[in-house]
Amino acid sequence: MTAPVIGVLALQGDVREHLTALTGAGAQARPVRRPEELDAVDGLVIPGGESTTISKLVDIFELRDPIDKRIAAGMPVYGSCAGMIMLATEVLDGRPDQRGFDGIAMTVRRNAFGRQVDSFEAPVEVDGIGGGPLHAIFIRAPWVERVGDGVEVLGTVTDGPAAGRIVAVRQGNLLATSFHPELTGDLRLHGYFVDLVRTTS
């Protein structure tokens, strides 16, 4: 079975960790910084980082229109943390000039869990991923305030003050999490995305 080619948007954030996790999950992983590099991939990961910075760099590197068109054409995309913000149709507490890709019909709250010092870890059950809860790392993470039609809630926080908050969603070929699976060594979520890309490419 041919390994799907999956790009990681390599403008800012934890790019290397996603490349490593995707490779471990059976994909051919490549950094994407230019439109021609986007043309060569079957799917894309938008990593964690700083969403306003990523938004600006997407324009500087002339990637906004190409990514919009690939999303509209059905390319699978996975966004973690800042990537979740970039995929949302509405962002609360974002900067006025911040623009995403309007891919998933959801409202997210930027930095909802607090500042860097408020980062935490928690178990999260994700629908469609067996083997027990994922060990989820939240770093200045968003959460999903509400979802629209066609959005499947895959995971919520089950304990603590953030219990009940939505932290994993899917709409069609688009997947997003508030947390950072690339930092744990657990490849199950990346494997889930690799399988999604494989079935659509």
Protein backbone atom coordinates (compact mmCIF):
# COMPACT_ATOMS: atom_id res chain seq x y z
CA MET A 1 0.00 0.00 0.00
CA THR A 2 1.47 3.34 -1.04
CA ALA A 3 2.09 5.76 1.79
CA PRO A 4 0.12 8.99 1.37
CA VAL A 5 2.09 12.21 1.06
CA ILE A 6 1.13 14.58 3.86
CA GLY A 7 2.48 18.09 4.22
CA VAL A 8 2.98 20.10 7.38
CA LEU A 9 2.48 23.84 7.01
CA ALA A 10 6.03 24.89 7.89
CA LEU A 11 5.67 28.61 8.54
CA GLN A 12 5.72 28.64 12.33
CA GLY A 13 5.08 26.25 15.22
CA ASP A 14 5.90 22.64 16.06
CA VAL A 15 6.54 21.50 12.51
CA ARG A 16 9.30 18.97 13.17
CA GLU A 17 7.26 17.06 15.74
CA HIS A 18 4.36 16.62 13.31
CA LEU A 19 6.71 15.49 10.53
CA THR A 20 8.16 12.86 12.88
CA ALA A 21 4.73 11.66 14.04
CA LEU A 22 3.34 11.44 10.50
CA THR A 23 6.35 9.43 9.35
CA GLY A 24 5.91 7.10 12.30
CA ALA A 25 2.23 6.69 11.41
CA GLY A 26 3.07 5.54 7.87
CA ALA A 27 2.95 8.71 5.78
CA GLN A 28 5.50 10.40 3.57
CA ALA A 29 5.80 13.69 5.46
CA ARG A 30 7.03 16.90 3.88
CA PRO A 31 7.24 20.55 4.98
CA VAL A 32 5.06 22.94 2.96
CA ARG A 33 6.08 26.59 2.53
CA ARG A 34 5.26 27.27 -1.13
CA PRO A 35 2.22 26.70 -3.36
CA GLU A 36 4.10 24.20 -5.52
CA GLU A 37 4.89 22.14 -2.40
CA LEU A 38 1.20 22.17 -1.48
CA ASP A 39 0.37 20.86 -4.96
CA ALA A 40 2.47 17.75 -4.26
CA VAL A 41 0.68 16.57 -1.09
CA ASP A 42 -2.48 14.51 -0.49
CA GLY A 43 -3.24 16.06 2.89
CA LEU A 44 -2.04 18.87 5.16
CA VAL A 45 -1.38 19.41 8.86
CA ILE A 46 -1.62 22.93 10.31
CA PRO A 47 0.49 22.74 13.47
CA GLY A 48 0.27 24.45 16.81
CA GLY A 49 2.04 27.76 17.22
CA GLU A 50 0.69 31.29 17.24
CA SER A 51 -2.45 31.63 15.13
CA THR A 52 -2.10 35.35 14.36
CA THR A 53 1.48 34.82 13.19
CA ILE A 54 0.48 31.83 11.04
CA SER A 55 -2.36 33.90 9.54
CA LYS A 56 0.06 36.65 8.49
CA LEU A 57 2.66 34.23 7.14
CA VAL A 58 0.06 32.38 5.06
CA ASP A 59 -0.50 35.64 3.18
CA ILE A 60 3.21 36.52 2.94
CA PHE A 61 3.99 33.10 1.44
CA GLU A 62 0.96 33.34 -0.90
CA LEU A 63 -0.59 30.16 0.44
CA ARG A 64 -4.05 31.36 1.46
CA ASP A 65 -5.80 31.00 -1.90
CA PRO A 66 -4.12 27.67 -2.77
CA ILE A 67 -5.05 26.18 0.63
CA ASP A 68 -8.63 27.52 0.39
CA LYS A 69 -8.99 25.90 -3.03
CA ARG A 70 -7.56 22.55 -1.88
CA ILE A 71 -9.89 22.51 1.14
CA ALA A 72 -12.86 23.27 -1.12
CA ALA A 73 -11.77 20.42 -3.39
CA GLY A 74 -11.80 17.96 -0.48
CA MET A 75 -8.16 17.75 0.64
CA PRO A 76 -7.97 16.34 4.18
CA VAL A 77 -6.56 18.82 6.70
CA TYR A 78 -5.74 18.33 10.38
CA GLY A 79 -5.25 21.35 12.63
CA SER A 80 -3.84 21.10 16.17
CA CYS A 81 -4.20 23.99 18.65
CA ALA A 82 -3.45 27.06 16.49
CA GLY A 83 -4.37 24.87 13.53
CA MET A 84 -7.83 24.38 15.04
CA ILE A 85 -8.19 28.17 15.21
CA MET A 86 -7.11 28.47 11.56
CA LEU A 87 -9.80 25.99 10.48
CA ALA A 88 -12.67 27.63 12.40
CA THR A 89 -15.38 29.75 10.81
CA GLU A 90 -15.50 32.00 13.90
CA VAL A 91 -12.80 32.91 16.43
CA LEU A 92 -13.53 34.62 19.75
CA ASP A 93 -10.80 36.78 21.34
CA GLY A 94 -8.78 36.80 18.14
CA ARG A 95 -7.17 39.84 16.55
CA PRO A 96 -9.37 41.84 14.14
CA ASP A 97 -6.95 41.23 11.24
CA GLN A 98 -6.71 37.49 11.91
CA ARG A 99 -8.03 35.32 9.06
CA GLY A 100 -8.40 31.57 8.88
CA PHE A 101 -9.60 29.10 6.28
CA ASP A 102 -13.28 28.88 7.38
CA GLY A 103 -13.20 25.10 6.96
CA ILE A 104 -15.07 23.76 10.01
CA ALA A 105 -18.40 25.26 11.05
CA MET A 106 -17.43 25.99 14.65
CA THR A 107 -16.78 28.84 17.03
CA VAL A 108 -13.52 28.56 18.95
CA ARG A 109 -12.23 30.67 21.81
CA ARG A 110 -8.57 31.53 21.42
CA ASN A 111 -6.35 30.86 24.50
CA ALA A 112 -9.49 29.60 26.25
CA PHE A 113 -7.61 27.51 28.81
CA GLY A 114 -5.41 30.44 29.83
CA ARG A 115 -1.81 31.52 29.39
CA GLN A 116 1.32 29.40 29.04
CA VAL A 117 1.50 28.91 32.82
CA ASP A 118 -2.00 27.42 32.72
CA SER A 119 -0.97 24.64 30.34
CA PHE A 120 -2.09 21.23 31.52
CA GLU A 121 -2.44 17.57 30.57
CA ALA A 122 -5.55 15.40 30.72
CA PRO A 123 -6.92 12.13 29.32
CA VAL A 124 -9.30 12.60 26.38
CA GLU A 125 -11.38 9.87 24.77
CA VAL A 126 -11.58 10.44 21.01
CA ASP A 127 -14.33 8.72 19.03
CA GLY A 128 -12.92 6.47 16.32
CA ILE A 129 -9.60 5.93 18.10
CA GLY A 130 -9.33 2.73 20.10
CA GLY A 131 -6.96 1.78 22.86
CA GLY A 132 -8.21 4.03 25.62
CA PRO A 133 -7.92 7.77 26.22
CA LEU A 134 -5.28 9.90 24.54
CA HIS A 135 -2.86 11.71 26.83
CA ALA A 136 -3.69 15.26 25.75
CA ILE A 137 -1.32 18.21 26.25
CA PHE A 138 -2.96 21.65 26.22
CA ILE A 139 -0.69 24.68 25.71
CA ARG A 140 -2.44 28.08 25.53
CA ALA A 141 -5.13 26.03 23.87
CA PRO A 142 -8.47 26.97 22.33
CA TRP A 143 -11.69 25.16 22.98
CA VAL A 144 -14.81 24.87 20.85
CA GLU A 145 -17.71 26.96 22.12
CA ARG A 146 -20.23 25.60 19.63
CA VAL A 147 -20.45 23.62 16.41
CA GLY A 148 -22.65 23.94 13.36
CA ASP A 149 -24.43 21.42 11.17
CA GLY A 150 -22.26 18.61 9.89
CA VAL A 151 -19.62 18.90 12.61
CA GLU A 152 -18.97 15.76 14.63
CA VAL A 153 -17.72 16.20 18.20
CA LEU A 154 -15.02 13.56 18.69
CA GLY A 155 -13.71 14.42 22.15
CA THR A 156 -14.33 16.47 25.28
CA VAL A 157 -12.43 17.10 28.51
CA THR A 158 -13.90 14.82 31.18
CA ASP A 159 -12.31 16.10 34.41
CA GLY A 160 -11.41 19.33 36.17
CA PRO A 161 -12.62 22.90 35.65
CA ALA A 162 -12.70 22.46 31.86
CA ALA A 163 -14.90 19.33 32.01
CA GLY A 164 -17.33 19.17 29.12
CA ARG A 165 -15.35 21.48 26.84
CA ILE A 166 -15.11 20.28 23.23
CA VAL A 167 -11.48 19.67 22.21
CA ALA A 168 -11.69 17.41 19.12
CA VAL A 169 -13.96 17.74 16.08
CA ARG A 170 -14.33 16.55 12.52
CA GLN A 171 -16.28 17.86 9.55
CA GLY A 172 -15.92 15.75 6.45
CA ASN A 173 -12.21 15.57 5.62
CA LEU A 174 -11.27 18.24 8.16
CA LEU A 175 -10.06 17.27 11.64
CA ALA A 176 -9.07 19.53 14.53
CA THR A 177 -7.92 19.18 18.14
CA SER A 178 -7.18 21.70 20.88
CA PHE A 179 -4.30 19.56 22.08
CA HIS A 180 -0.90 18.47 20.79
CA PRO A 181 -0.67 14.70 20.05
CA GLU A 182 2.66 15.27 18.29
CA LEU A 183 4.30 15.92 21.69
CA THR A 184 3.36 12.63 23.36
CA GLY A 185 4.82 9.86 21.22
CA ASP A 186 1.33 8.37 20.86
CA LEU A 187 0.78 8.02 17.11
CA ARG A 188 -2.88 7.00 17.17
CA LEU A 189 -4.36 10.35 16.19
CA HIS A 190 -1.82 10.86 13.42
CA GLY A 191 -2.61 7.32 12.30
CA TYR A 192 -6.30 8.23 12.21
CA PHE A 193 -5.49 11.20 9.97
CA VAL A 194 -3.16 9.16 7.75
CA ASP A 195 -5.98 6.64 7.22
CA LEU A 196 -8.36 9.51 6.36
CA VAL A 197 -5.92 10.82 3.77
CA ARG A 198 -5.34 7.33 2.40
CA THR A 199 -9.06 6.76 1.83
CA THR A 200 -9.56 10.08 0.04
CA SER A 201 -6.40 10.32 -2.10
